[in-house]
PDB file of N, CA and C in Angstrom:
ATOM      1  N   MET A   1       9.121 -34.738 -17.120  1.00  0.00           N
ATOM      2  CA  MET A   1      10.001 -33.518 -16.854  1.00  0.00           C
ATOM      3  C   MET A   1       9.511 -32.226 -17.389  1.00  0.00           C
ATOM      4  N   ALA A   2       9.331 -32.415 -18.730  1.00  0.00           N
ATOM      5  CA  ALA A   2       8.776 -31.271 -19.475  1.00  0.00           C
ATOM      6  C   ALA A   2       7.506 -30.640 -19.071  1.00  0.00           C
ATOM      7  N   ALA A   3       6.692 -31.711 -18.662  1.00  0.00           N
ATOM      8  CA  ALA A   3       5.282 -31.357 -18.109  1.00  0.00           C
ATOM      9  C   ALA A   3       5.323 -30.557 -16.836  1.00  0.00           C
ATOM     10  N   SER A   4       6.330 -30.962 -16.065  1.00  0.00           N
ATOM     11  CA  SER A   4       6.500 -30.200 -14.800  1.00  0.00           C
ATOM     12  C   SER A   4       7.051 -28.781 -14.962  1.00  0.00           C
ATOM     13  N   ILE A   5       7.957 -28.614 -16.013  1.00  0.00           N
ATOM     14  CA  ILE A   5       8.523 -27.348 -16.355  1.00  0.00           C
ATOM     15  C   ILE A   5       7.375 -26.460 -16.853  1.00  0.00           C
ATOM     16  N   CYS A   6       6.614 -26.968 -17.791  1.00  0.00           N
ATOM     17  CA  CYS A   6       5.320 -26.270 -18.277  1.00  0.00           C
ATOM     18  C   CYS A   6       4.355 -25.814 -17.096  1.00  0.00           C
ATOM     19  N   LYS A   7       4.170 -26.761 -16.203  1.00  0.00           N
ATOM     20  CA  LYS A   7       3.237 -26.411 -15.125  1.00  0.00           C
ATOM     21  C   LYS A   7       3.697 -25.227 -14.388  1.00  0.00           C
ATOM     22  N   ALA A   8       5.135 -25.474 -13.917  1.00  0.00           N
ATOM     23  CA  ALA A   8       5.841 -24.333 -13.183  1.00  0.00           C
ATOM     24  C   ALA A   8       5.676 -22.990 -13.828  1.00  0.00           C
ATOM     25  N   ARG A   9       5.929 -23.044 -15.148  1.00  0.00           N
ATOM     26  CA  ARG A   9       5.857 -21.710 -15.875  1.00  0.00           C
ATOM     27  C   ARG A   9       4.460 -21.058 -15.978  1.00  0.00           C
ATOM     28  N   LEU A  10       3.411 -22.032 -16.115  1.00  0.00           N
ATOM     29  CA  LEU A  10       2.065 -21.692 -16.192  1.00  0.00           C
ATOM     30  C   LEU A  10       1.761 -21.115 -14.773  1.00  0.00           C
ATOM     31  N   VAL A  11       2.184 -21.734 -13.570  1.00  0.00           N
ATOM     32  CA  VAL A  11       1.912 -21.117 -12.368  1.00  0.00           C
ATOM     33  C   VAL A  11       2.503 -19.748 -12.236  1.00  0.00           C
ATOM     34  N   MET A  12       3.820 -19.702 -12.595  1.00  0.00           N
ATOM     35  CA  MET A  12       4.547 -18.254 -12.513  1.00  0.00           C
ATOM     36  C   MET A  12       3.710 -17.265 -13.327  1.00  0.00           C
ATOM     37  N   LEU A  13       3.280 -17.696 -14.585  1.00  0.00           N
ATOM     38  CA  LEU A  13       2.585 -16.607 -15.413  1.00  0.00           C
ATOM     39  C   LEU A  13       1.256 -16.264 -14.750  1.00  0.00           C
ATOM     40  N   VAL A  14       0.681 -17.284 -14.046  1.00  0.00           N
ATOM     41  CA  VAL A  14      -0.734 -16.893 -13.530  1.00  0.00           C
ATOM     42  C   VAL A  14      -0.523 -16.044 -12.184  1.00  0.00           C
ATOM     43  N   VAL A  15       0.641 -16.323 -11.542  1.00  0.00           N
ATOM     44  CA  VAL A  15       1.030 -15.485 -10.288  1.00  0.00           C
ATOM     45  C   VAL A  15       1.300 -14.067 -10.786  1.00  0.00           C
ATOM     46  N   ALA A  16       1.938 -13.960 -11.895  1.00  0.00           N
ATOM     47  CA  ALA A  16       2.388 -12.674 -12.484  1.00  0.00           C
ATOM     48  C   ALA A  16       1.087 -11.803 -12.854  1.00  0.00           C
ATOM     49  N   VAL A  17       0.102 -12.623 -13.516  1.00  0.00           N
ATOM     50  CA  VAL A  17      -1.222 -11.784 -13.760  1.00  0.00           C
ATOM     51  C   VAL A  17      -2.031 -11.484 -12.433  1.00  0.00           C
ATOM     52  N   VAL A  18      -1.826 -12.259 -11.308  1.00  0.00           N
ATOM     53  CA  VAL A  18      -2.477 -11.930 -10.180  1.00  0.00           C
ATOM     54  C   VAL A  18      -1.740 -10.734  -9.500  1.00  0.00           C
ATOM     55  N   VAL A  19      -0.546 -10.757  -9.553  1.00  0.00           N
ATOM     56  CA  VAL A  19       0.205  -9.518  -8.984  1.00  0.00           C
ATOM     57  C   VAL A  19      -0.058  -8.246  -9.770  1.00  0.00           C
ATOM     58  N   VAL A  20      -0.093  -8.382 -11.131  1.00  0.00           N
ATOM     59  CA  VAL A  20      -0.454  -7.093 -11.903  1.00  0.00           C
ATOM     60  C   VAL A  20      -1.859  -6.796 -11.656  1.00  0.00           C
ATOM     61  N   GLY A  21      -2.808  -7.716 -11.593  1.00  0.00           N
ATOM     62  CA  GLY A  21      -4.214  -7.408 -11.323  1.00  0.00           C
ATOM     63  C   GLY A  21      -4.373  -6.823  -9.934  1.00  0.00           C
ATOM     64  N   ILE A  22      -3.664  -7.292  -8.864  1.00  0.00           N
ATOM     65  CA  ILE A  22      -3.761  -6.715  -7.599  1.00  0.00           C
ATOM     66  C   ILE A  22      -3.202  -5.371  -7.558  1.00  0.00           C
ATOM     67  N   SER A  23      -1.957  -5.167  -8.284  1.00  0.00           N
ATOM     68  CA  SER A  23      -1.348  -3.872  -8.368  1.00  0.00           C
ATOM     69  C   SER A  23      -2.264  -2.825  -8.989  1.00  0.00           C
ATOM     70  N   SER A  24      -2.874  -3.212 -10.183  1.00  0.00           N
ATOM     71  CA  SER A  24      -3.784  -2.371 -10.909  1.00  0.00           C
ATOM     72  C   SER A  24      -4.972  -1.932  -9.979  1.00  0.00           C
ATOM     73  N   ARG A  25      -5.372  -2.707  -9.237  1.00  0.00           N
ATOM     74  CA  ARG A  25      -6.609  -2.439  -8.354  1.00  0.00           C
ATOM     75  C   ARG A  25      -6.447  -1.597  -7.235  1.00  0.00           C
ATOM     76  N   GLY A  26      -5.115  -1.273  -6.963  1.00  0.00           N
ATOM     77  CA  GLY A  26      -4.742  -0.530  -5.894  1.00  0.00           C
ATOM     78  C   GLY A  26      -4.018  -1.049  -4.602  1.00  0.00           C
ATOM     79  N   ALA A  27      -3.911  -2.348  -4.576  1.00  0.00           N
ATOM     80  CA  ALA A  27      -3.068  -3.008  -3.558  1.00  0.00           C
ATOM     81  C   ALA A  27      -1.742  -2.595  -3.394  1.00  0.00           C
ATOM     82  N   ARG A  28      -0.997  -2.490  -4.534  1.00  0.00           N
ATOM     83  CA  ARG A  28       0.254  -2.038  -4.568  1.00  0.00           C
ATOM     84  C   ARG A  28       0.604  -0.736  -3.819  1.00  0.00           C
ATOM     85  N   GLY A  29      -0.307   0.259  -4.121  1.00  0.00           N
ATOM     86  CA  GLY A  29      -0.179   1.467  -3.605  1.00  0.00           C
ATOM     87  C   GLY A  29      -0.690   1.594  -2.221  1.00  0.00           C
ATOM     88  N   GLN A  30      -1.465   0.737  -1.856  1.00  0.00           N
ATOM     89  CA  GLN A  30      -2.098   0.693  -0.383  1.00  0.00           C
ATOM     90  C   GLN A  30      -1.525  -0.340   0.495  1.00  0.00           C
ATOM     91  N   CYS A  31      -1.011  -1.337   0.046  1.00  0.00           N
ATOM     92  CA  CYS A  31      -0.533  -2.472   0.928  1.00  0.00           C
ATOM     93  C   CYS A  31       1.004  -2.512   0.922  1.00  0.00           C
ATOM     94  N   GLN A  32       1.442  -2.633   2.067  1.00  0.00           N
ATOM     95  CA  GLN A  32       2.877  -2.660   2.277  1.00  0.00           C
ATOM     96  C   GLN A  32       3.423  -3.962   1.675  1.00  0.00           C
ATOM     97  N   GLY A  33       4.637  -3.922   1.293  1.00  0.00           N
ATOM     98  CA  GLY A  33       5.443  -5.157   0.984  1.00  0.00           C
ATOM     99  C   GLY A  33       5.821  -5.298  -0.515  1.00  0.00           C
ATOM    100  N   ASP A  34       6.504  -6.426  -0.896  1.00  0.00           N
ATOM    101  CA  ASP A  34       6.993  -6.699  -2.101  1.00  0.00           C
ATOM    102  C   ASP A  34       6.035  -7.669  -2.902  1.00  0.00           C
ATOM    103  N   LEU A  35       5.012  -6.952  -3.455  1.00  0.00           N
ATOM    104  CA  LEU A  35       4.130  -7.980  -4.244  1.00  0.00           C
ATOM    105  C   LEU A  35       4.729  -8.674  -5.451  1.00  0.00           C
ATOM    106  N   PRO A  36       5.590  -7.943  -6.190  1.00  0.00           N
ATOM    107  CA  PRO A  36       6.246  -8.466  -7.267  1.00  0.00           C
ATOM    108  C   PRO A  36       7.341  -9.617  -6.754  1.00  0.00           C
ATOM    109  N   GLY A  37       7.822  -9.571  -5.574  1.00  0.00           N
ATOM    110  CA  GLY A  37       8.532 -10.496  -5.113  1.00  0.00           C
ATOM    111  C   GLY A  37       7.801 -11.891  -4.904  1.00  0.00           C
ATOM    112  N   LEU A  38       6.394 -11.761  -4.500  1.00  0.00           N
ATOM    113  CA  LEU A  38       5.676 -13.010  -4.494  1.00  0.00           C
ATOM    114  C   LEU A  38       5.627 -13.749  -5.768  1.00  0.00           C
ATOM    115  N   MET A  39       5.616 -13.061  -6.886  1.00  0.00           N
ATOM    116  CA  MET A  39       5.726 -13.671  -8.161  1.00  0.00           C
ATOM    117  C   MET A  39       6.914 -14.438  -8.426  1.00  0.00           C
ATOM    118  N   ALA A  40       8.122 -13.815  -7.857  1.00  0.00           N
ATOM    119  CA  ALA A  40       9.401 -14.492  -8.044  1.00  0.00           C
ATOM    120  C   ALA A  40       9.521 -15.656  -7.187  1.00  0.00           C
ATOM    121  N   GLU A  41       9.159 -15.521  -5.976  1.00  0.00           N
ATOM    122  CA  GLU A  41       9.456 -16.734  -4.938  1.00  0.00           C
ATOM    123  C   GLU A  41       8.332 -17.636  -4.543  1.00  0.00           C
ATOM    124  N   CYS A  42       7.146 -17.246  -4.764  1.00  0.00           N
ATOM    125  CA  CYS A  42       6.047 -18.225  -4.131  1.00  0.00           C
ATOM    126  C   CYS A  42       5.115 -18.798  -5.033  1.00  0.00           C
ATOM    127  N   PRO A  43       5.165 -18.786  -6.405  1.00  0.00           N
ATOM    128  CA  PRO A  43       4.033 -19.375  -7.295  1.00  0.00           C
ATOM    129  C   PRO A  43       3.885 -20.789  -7.104  1.00  0.00           C
ATOM    130  N   ARG A  44       4.857 -21.528  -6.912  1.00  0.00           N
ATOM    131  CA  ARG A  44       4.827 -23.077  -6.752  1.00  0.00           C
ATOM    132  C   ARG A  44       4.051 -23.422  -5.572  1.00  0.00           C
ATOM    133  N   TYR A  45       3.949 -22.594  -4.604  1.00  0.00           N
ATOM    134  CA  TYR A  45       3.187 -22.974  -3.253  1.00  0.00           C
ATOM    135  C   TYR A  45       1.799 -22.588  -3.262  1.00  0.00           C
ATOM    136  N   VAL A  46       1.367 -21.836  -4.126  1.00  0.00           N
ATOM    137  CA  VAL A  46      -0.204 -21.396  -4.107  1.00  0.00           C
ATOM    138  C   VAL A  46      -0.863 -21.922  -5.326  1.00  0.00           C
ATOM    139  N   GLY A  47      -0.240 -22.594  -6.267  1.00  0.00           N
ATOM    140  CA  GLY A  47      -1.126 -23.015  -7.302  1.00  0.00           C
ATOM    141  C   GLY A  47      -2.123 -24.021  -7.002  1.00  0.00           C
ATOM    142  N   LYS A  48      -3.133 -24.179  -7.860  1.00  0.00           N
ATOM    143  CA  LYS A  48      -4.217 -25.162  -7.473  1.00  0.00           C
ATOM    144  C   LYS A  48      -3.634 -26.663  -7.439  1.00  0.00           C
ATOM    145  N   ALA A  49      -2.840 -27.021  -8.411  1.00  0.00           N
ATOM    146  CA  ALA A  49      -2.271 -28.426  -8.530  1.00  0.00           C
ATOM    147  C   ALA A  49      -1.365 -28.620  -7.360  1.00  0.00           C
ATOM    148  N   GLY A  50      -1.522 -30.080  -6.891  1.00  0.00           N
ATOM    149  CA  GLY A  50      -0.598 -30.491  -6.006  1.00  0.00           C
ATOM    150  C   GLY A  50      -0.996 -30.275  -4.623  1.00  0.00           C
ATOM    151  N   PRO A  51      -0.141 -30.864  -3.674  1.00  0.00           N
ATOM    152  CA  PRO A  51      -0.476 -30.852  -2.225  1.00  0.00           C
ATOM    153  C   PRO A  51       0.076 -29.403  -1.656  1.00  0.00           C
ATOM    154  N   GLU A  52      -0.251 -29.318  -0.426  1.00  0.00           N
ATOM    155  CA  GLU A  52       0.306 -28.123   0.307  1.00  0.00           C
ATOM    156  C   GLU A  52       1.884 -28.524   0.584  1.00  0.00           C
ATOM    157  N   VAL A  53       2.765 -27.582   0.319  1.00  0.00           N
ATOM    158  CA  VAL A  53       4.175 -27.834   0.511  1.00  0.00           C
ATOM    159  C   VAL A  53       4.621 -26.505   1.266  1.00  0.00           C
ATOM    160  N   VAL A  54       5.446 -27.027   2.323  1.00  0.00           N
ATOM    161  CA  VAL A  54       6.088 -25.903   3.125  1.00  0.00           C
ATOM    162  C   VAL A  54       6.856 -25.011   2.220  1.00  0.00           C
ATOM    163  N   PRO A  55       6.637 -23.530   2.308  1.00  0.00           N
ATOM    164  CA  PRO A  55       7.307 -22.756   1.280  1.00  0.00           C
ATOM    165  C   PRO A  55       8.788 -22.487   1.814  1.00  0.00           C
ATOM    166  N   SER A  56       9.526 -22.102   0.718  1.00  0.00           N
ATOM    167  CA  SER A  56      10.953 -21.905   0.820  1.00  0.00           C
ATOM    168  C   SER A  56      11.095 -20.669   1.778  1.00  0.00           C
ATOM    169  N   ARG A  57      12.458 -20.681   2.265  1.00  0.00           N
ATOM    170  CA  ARG A  57      12.805 -19.502   3.120  1.00  0.00           C
ATOM    171  C   ARG A  57      12.675 -18.144   2.313  1.00  0.00           C
ATOM    172  N   GLU A  58      13.077 -18.255   1.040  1.00  0.00           N
ATOM    173  CA  GLU A  58      12.924 -17.082   0.180  1.00  0.00           C
ATOM    174  C   GLU A  58      11.439 -16.548   0.044  1.00  0.00           C
ATOM    175  N   CYS A  59      10.642 -17.568  -0.248  1.00  0.00           N
ATOM    176  CA  CYS A  59       9.238 -17.158  -0.256  1.00  0.00           C
ATOM    177  C   CYS A  59       8.728 -16.572   1.023  1.00  0.00           C
ATOM    178  N   CYS A  60       9.151 -17.094   2.107  1.00  0.00           N
ATOM    179  CA  CYS A  60       8.674 -16.617   3.418  1.00  0.00           C
ATOM    180  C   CYS A  60       9.152 -15.247   3.643  1.00  0.00           C
ATOM    181  N   ASN A  61      10.451 -15.004   3.361  1.00  0.00           N
ATOM    182  CA  ASN A  61      10.872 -13.592   3.553  1.00  0.00           C
ATOM    183  C   ASN A  61      10.174 -12.587   2.786  1.00  0.00           C
ATOM    184  N   VAL A  62       9.690 -12.894   1.497  1.00  0.00           N
ATOM    185  CA  VAL A  62       8.768 -12.113   0.800  1.00  0.00           C
ATOM    186  C   VAL A  62       7.335 -11.925   1.595  1.00  0.00           C
ATOM    187  N   VAL A  63       6.809 -13.101   1.926  1.00  0.00           N
ATOM    188  CA  VAL A  63       5.558 -13.106   2.552  1.00  0.00           C
ATOM    189  C   VAL A  63       5.515 -12.128   3.818  1.00  0.00           C
ATOM    190  N   ARG A  64       6.482 -12.340   4.566  1.00  0.00           N
ATOM    191  CA  ARG A  64       6.704 -11.382   5.701  1.00  0.00           C
ATOM    192  C   ARG A  64       6.696 -10.035   5.489  1.00  0.00           C
ATOM    193  N   SER A  65       7.263  -9.791   4.276  1.00  0.00           N
ATOM    194  CA  SER A  65       7.153  -8.204   3.979  1.00  0.00           C
ATOM    195  C   SER A  65       5.963  -7.651   3.517  1.00  0.00           C
ATOM    196  N   VAL A  66       4.990  -8.556   3.193  1.00  0.00           N
ATOM    197  CA  VAL A  66       3.672  -8.178   2.536  1.00  0.00           C
ATOM    198  C   VAL A  66       2.695  -7.997   3.571  1.00  0.00           C
ATOM    199  N   ASP A  67       1.764  -6.990   3.564  1.00  0.00           N
ATOM    200  CA  ASP A  67       0.602  -6.938   4.453  1.00  0.00           C
ATOM    201  C   ASP A  67      -0.440  -7.768   3.768  1.00  0.00           C
ATOM    202  N   VAL A  68      -0.426  -9.069   4.240  1.00  0.00           N
ATOM    203  CA  VAL A  68      -1.335 -10.064   3.529  1.00  0.00           C
ATOM    204  C   VAL A  68      -2.818  -9.829   3.787  1.00  0.00           C
ATOM    205  N   GLU A  69      -3.027  -9.341   4.849  1.00  0.00           N
ATOM    206  CA  GLU A  69      -4.455  -9.035   5.097  1.00  0.00           C
ATOM    207  C   GLU A  69      -5.001  -7.908   4.174  1.00  0.00           C
ATOM    208  N   CYS A  70      -4.159  -6.839   3.873  1.00  0.00           N
ATOM    209  CA  CYS A  70      -4.528  -5.882   2.911  1.00  0.00           C
ATOM    210  C   CYS A  70      -4.615  -6.382   1.622  1.00  0.00           C
ATOM    211  N   ALA A  71      -3.575  -7.241   1.067  1.00  0.00           N
ATOM    212  CA  ALA A  71      -3.716  -7.883  -0.175  1.00  0.00           C
ATOM    213  C   ALA A  71      -4.897  -8.591  -0.460  1.00  0.00           C
ATOM    214  N   CYS A  72      -5.238  -9.342   0.641  1.00  0.00           N
ATOM    215  CA  CYS A  72      -6.442 -10.214   0.481  1.00  0.00           C
ATOM    216  C   CYS A  72      -7.731  -9.512  -0.113  1.00  0.00           C
ATOM    217  N   GLN A  73      -7.848  -8.114   0.363  1.00  0.00           N
ATOM    218  CA  GLN A  73      -8.894  -7.250   0.025  1.00  0.00           C
ATOM    219  C   GLN A  73      -9.097  -7.136  -1.471  1.00  0.00           C
ATOM    220  N   TYR A  74      -8.024  -7.469  -2.247  1.00  0.00           N
ATOM    221  CA  TYR A  74      -7.876  -7.124  -3.622  1.00  0.00           C
ATOM    222  C   TYR A  74      -7.919  -8.469  -4.481  1.00  0.00           C
ATOM    223  N   ILE A  75      -8.011  -9.608  -3.969  1.00  0.00           N
ATOM    224  CA  ILE A  75      -8.180 -10.862  -4.692  1.00  0.00           C
ATOM    225  C   ILE A  75      -9.500 -10.959  -5.231  1.00  0.00           C
ATOM    226  N   THR A  76      -9.720 -11.135  -6.565  1.00  0.00           N
ATOM    227  CA  THR A  76     -10.950 -11.292  -7.140  1.00  0.00           C
ATOM    228  C   THR A  76     -11.388 -12.721  -7.438  1.00  0.00           C
ATOM    229  N   LYS A  77     -12.518 -13.069  -7.774  1.00  0.00           N
ATOM    230  CA  LYS A  77     -12.992 -14.277  -8.117  1.00  0.00           C
ATOM    231  C   LYS A  77     -12.097 -14.940  -9.246  1.00  0.00           C
ATOM    232  N   GLU A  78     -11.667 -14.040 -10.267  1.00  0.00           N
ATOM    233  CA  GLU A  78     -10.793 -14.596 -11.183  1.00  0.00           C
ATOM    234  C   GLU A  78      -9.521 -15.137 -10.745  1.00  0.00           C
ATOM    235  N   VAL A  79      -9.007 -14.358  -9.719  1.00  0.00           N
ATOM    236  CA  VAL A  79      -7.761 -14.742  -9.262  1.00  0.00           C
ATOM    237  C   VAL A  79      -7.907 -16.259  -8.478  1.00  0.00           C
ATOM    238  N   GLU A  80      -9.027 -16.275  -7.852  1.00  0.00           N
ATOM    239  CA  GLU A  80      -9.415 -17.385  -6.911  1.00  0.00           C
ATOM    240  C   GLU A  80      -9.658 -18.590  -7.869  1.00  0.00           C
ATOM    241  N   GLN A  81      -9.843 -18.461  -9.191  1.00  0.00           N
ATOM    242  CA  GLN A  81      -9.939 -19.677  -9.971  1.00  0.00           C
ATOM    243  C   GLN A  81      -8.615 -20.187 -10.395  1.00  0.00           C
ATOM    244  N   ILE A  82      -7.768 -19.207 -10.097  1.00  0.00           N
ATOM    245  CA  ILE A  82      -6.160 -19.727 -10.513  1.00  0.00           C
ATOM    246  C   ILE A  82      -5.411 -20.115  -9.453  1.00  0.00           C
ATOM    247  N   ILE A  83      -5.531 -19.634  -8.205  1.00  0.00           N
ATOM    248  CA  ILE A  83      -4.738 -19.896  -7.113  1.00  0.00           C
ATOM    249  C   ILE A  83      -5.558 -20.670  -6.026  1.00  0.00           C
ATOM    250  N   SER A  84      -4.979 -21.351  -5.146  1.00  0.00           N
ATOM    251  CA  SER A  84      -5.573 -22.049  -4.088  1.00  0.00           C
ATOM    252  C   SER A  84      -5.663 -21.171  -2.840  1.00  0.00           C
ATOM    253  N   MET A  85      -6.820 -20.704  -2.519  1.00  0.00           N
ATOM    254  CA  MET A  85      -6.818 -19.838  -1.251  1.00  0.00           C
ATOM    255  C   MET A  85      -6.413 -20.600  -0.152  1.00  0.00           C
ATOM    256  N   GLU A  86      -6.679 -21.909   0.078  1.00  0.00           N
ATOM    257  CA  GLU A  86      -6.345 -22.703   1.100  1.00  0.00           C
ATOM    258  C   GLU A  86      -4.810 -22.745   1.308  1.00  0.00           C
ATOM    259  N   LYS A  87      -4.184 -22.761   0.236  1.00  0.00           N
ATOM    260  CA  LYS A  87      -2.653 -22.747  -0.012  1.00  0.00           C
ATOM    261  C   LYS A  87      -2.114 -21.316   0.497  1.00  0.00           C
ATOM    262  N   VAL A  88      -2.784 -20.293   0.041  1.00  0.00           N
ATOM    263  CA  VAL A  88      -2.482 -18.958   0.301  1.00  0.00           C
ATOM    264  C   VAL A  88      -2.363 -18.829   1.961  1.00  0.00           C
ATOM    265  N   VAL A  89      -3.513 -19.359   2.560  1.00  0.00           N
ATOM    266  CA  VAL A  89      -3.473 -19.300   3.987  1.00  0.00           C
ATOM    267  C   VAL A  89      -2.483 -20.116   4.633  1.00  0.00           C
ATOM    268  N   PHE A  90      -2.275 -21.270   4.062  1.00  0.00           N
ATOM    269  CA  PHE A  90      -1.243 -22.243   4.562  1.00  0.00           C
ATOM    270  C   PHE A  90       0.149 -21.600   4.503  1.00  0.00           C
ATOM    271  N   VAL A  91       0.322 -20.937   3.414  1.00  0.00           N
ATOM    272  CA  VAL A  91       1.773 -20.257   3.100  1.00  0.00           C
ATOM    273  C   VAL A  91       1.943 -19.149   4.189  1.00  0.00           C
ATOM    274  N   ALA A  92       0.929 -18.338   4.377  1.00  0.00           N
ATOM    275  CA  ALA A  92       0.967 -17.194   5.275  1.00  0.00           C
ATOM    276  C   ALA A  92       1.265 -17.770   6.580  1.00  0.00           C
ATOM    277  N   LYS A  93       0.512 -18.742   7.136  1.00  0.00           N
ATOM    278  CA  LYS A  93       0.697 -19.332   8.415  1.00  0.00           C
ATOM    279  C   LYS A  93       2.050 -20.014   8.436  1.00  0.00           C
ATOM    280  N   SER A  94       2.499 -20.742   7.416  1.00  0.00           N
ATOM    281  CA  SER A  94       3.806 -21.278   7.577  1.00  0.00           C
ATOM    282  C   SER A  94       4.992 -20.283   7.616  1.00  0.00           C
ATOM    283  N   CYS A  95       4.659 -19.325   7.107  1.00  0.00           N
ATOM    284  CA  CYS A  95       5.647 -18.159   7.075  1.00  0.00           C
ATOM    285  C   CYS A  95       5.611 -17.234   8.370  1.00  0.00           C
ATOM    286  N   GLY A  96       4.715 -17.555   9.252  1.00  0.00           N
ATOM    287  CA  GLY A  96       4.658 -16.735  10.532  1.00  0.00           C
ATOM    288  C   GLY A  96       3.802 -15.571  10.288  1.00  0.00           C
ATOM    289  N   LYS A  97       2.979 -15.397   9.249  1.00  0.00           N
ATOM    290  CA  LYS A  97       1.912 -14.371   9.104  1.00  0.00           C
ATOM    291  C   LYS A  97       0.450 -15.020   9.046  1.00  0.00           C
ATOM    292  N   PRO A  98       0.094 -15.668   9.956  1.00  0.00           N
ATOM    293  CA  PRO A  98      -1.301 -16.189  10.002  1.00  0.00           C
ATOM    294  C   PRO A  98      -2.270 -15.237   9.771  1.00  0.00           C
ATOM    295  N   LEU A  99      -3.430 -15.621   8.986  1.00  0.00           N
ATOM    296  CA  LEU A  99      -4.618 -14.593   8.913  1.00  0.00           C
ATOM    297  C   LEU A  99      -5.482 -14.984   9.959  1.00  0.00           C
ATOM    298  N   PRO A 100      -6.171 -13.937  10.597  1.00  0.00           N
ATOM    299  CA  PRO A 100      -7.017 -14.350  11.654  1.00  0.00           C
ATOM    300  C   PRO A 100      -8.315 -15.156  11.237  1.00  0.00           C
ATOM    301  N   HIS A 101      -8.630 -16.233  12.046  1.00  0.00           N
ATOM    302  CA  HIS A 101      -9.668 -16.964  11.979  1.00  0.00           C
ATOM    303  C   HIS A 101     -10.912 -16.106  11.856  1.00  0.00           C
ATOM    304  N   GLY A 102     -11.670 -16.548  10.790  1.00  0.00           N
ATOM    305  CA  GLY A 102     -12.932 -15.773  10.285  1.00  0.00           C
ATOM    306  C   GLY A 102     -12.752 -14.552   9.529  1.00  0.00           C
ATOM    307  N   SER A 103     -11.399 -14.249   9.098  1.00  0.00           N
ATOM    308  CA  SER A 103     -11.151 -13.060   8.343  1.00  0.00           C
ATOM    309  C   SER A 103     -11.349 -13.533   6.859  1.00  0.00           C
ATOM    310  N   LYS A 104     -11.517 -12.681   5.945  1.00  0.00           N
ATOM    311  CA  LYS A 104     -11.685 -12.832   4.412  1.00  0.00           C
ATOM    312  C   LYS A 104     -10.384 -12.726   3.685  1.00  0.00           C
ATOM    313  N   CYS A 105     -10.111 -13.609   2.790  1.00  0.00           N
ATOM    314  CA  CYS A 105      -9.100 -13.367   1.803  1.00  0.00           C
ATOM    315  C   CYS A 105      -9.763 -13.658   0.451  1.00  0.00           C
ATOM    316  N   GLY A 106     -10.151 -12.633  -0.391  1.00  0.00           N
ATOM    317  CA  GLY A 106     -10.899 -12.597  -1.491  1.00  0.00           C
ATOM    318  C   GLY A 106     -12.294 -13.069  -0.834  1.00  0.00           C
ATOM    319  N   SER A 107     -12.990 -14.077  -1.333  1.00  0.00           N
ATOM    320  CA  SER A 107     -14.184 -14.431  -0.991  1.00  0.00           C
ATOM    321  C   SER A 107     -14.105 -15.646   0.100  1.00  0.00           C
ATOM    322  N   TYR A 108     -12.824 -16.189   0.368  1.00  0.00           N
ATOM    323  CA  TYR A 108     -12.560 -17.288   1.125  1.00  0.00           C
ATOM    324  C   TYR A 108     -12.442 -16.802   2.488  1.00  0.00           C
ATOM    325  N   THR A 109     -13.164 -17.516   3.385  1.00  0.00           N
ATOM    326  CA  THR A 109     -13.261 -17.307   4.836  1.00  0.00           C
ATOM    327  C   THR A 109     -12.192 -18.160   5.477  1.00  0.00           C
ATOM    328  N   VAL A 110     -11.228 -17.623   6.248  1.00  0.00           N
ATOM    329  CA  VAL A 110     -10.258 -18.262   7.013  1.00  0.00           C
ATOM    330  C   VAL A 110     -10.860 -19.145   8.002  1.00  0.00           C
ATOM    331  N   PRO A 111     -10.730 -20.511   8.064  1.00  0.00           N
ATOM    332  CA  PRO A 111     -11.193 -21.350   9.115  1.00  0.00           C
ATOM    333  C   PRO A 111     -10.645 -21.096  10.465  1.00  0.00           C
TER     334      PRO A 111
END
């Protein structure tokens, strides 16, 4: 149980760093949506560990508010080492904001 809590906190910290990194690189000013809300509602769904899990309604509400394609332009290699790009694409699709096939999210090409 304690290990699960530690993992969840680590993933939340990582997503916080990602959001701050994206914000400082310009996405927050150029991309629509609640990027900080992603940190609050979605970290457990995009972490590298574990299987793909259908995101919560709260996470999806935030995802639907974000210009995901725009935010994808600001994802760095460092961010990609921390989050699962496959899960990012899965969450976007699950929330009704699928990324176009062949598009890029960071260096990841959407199948």
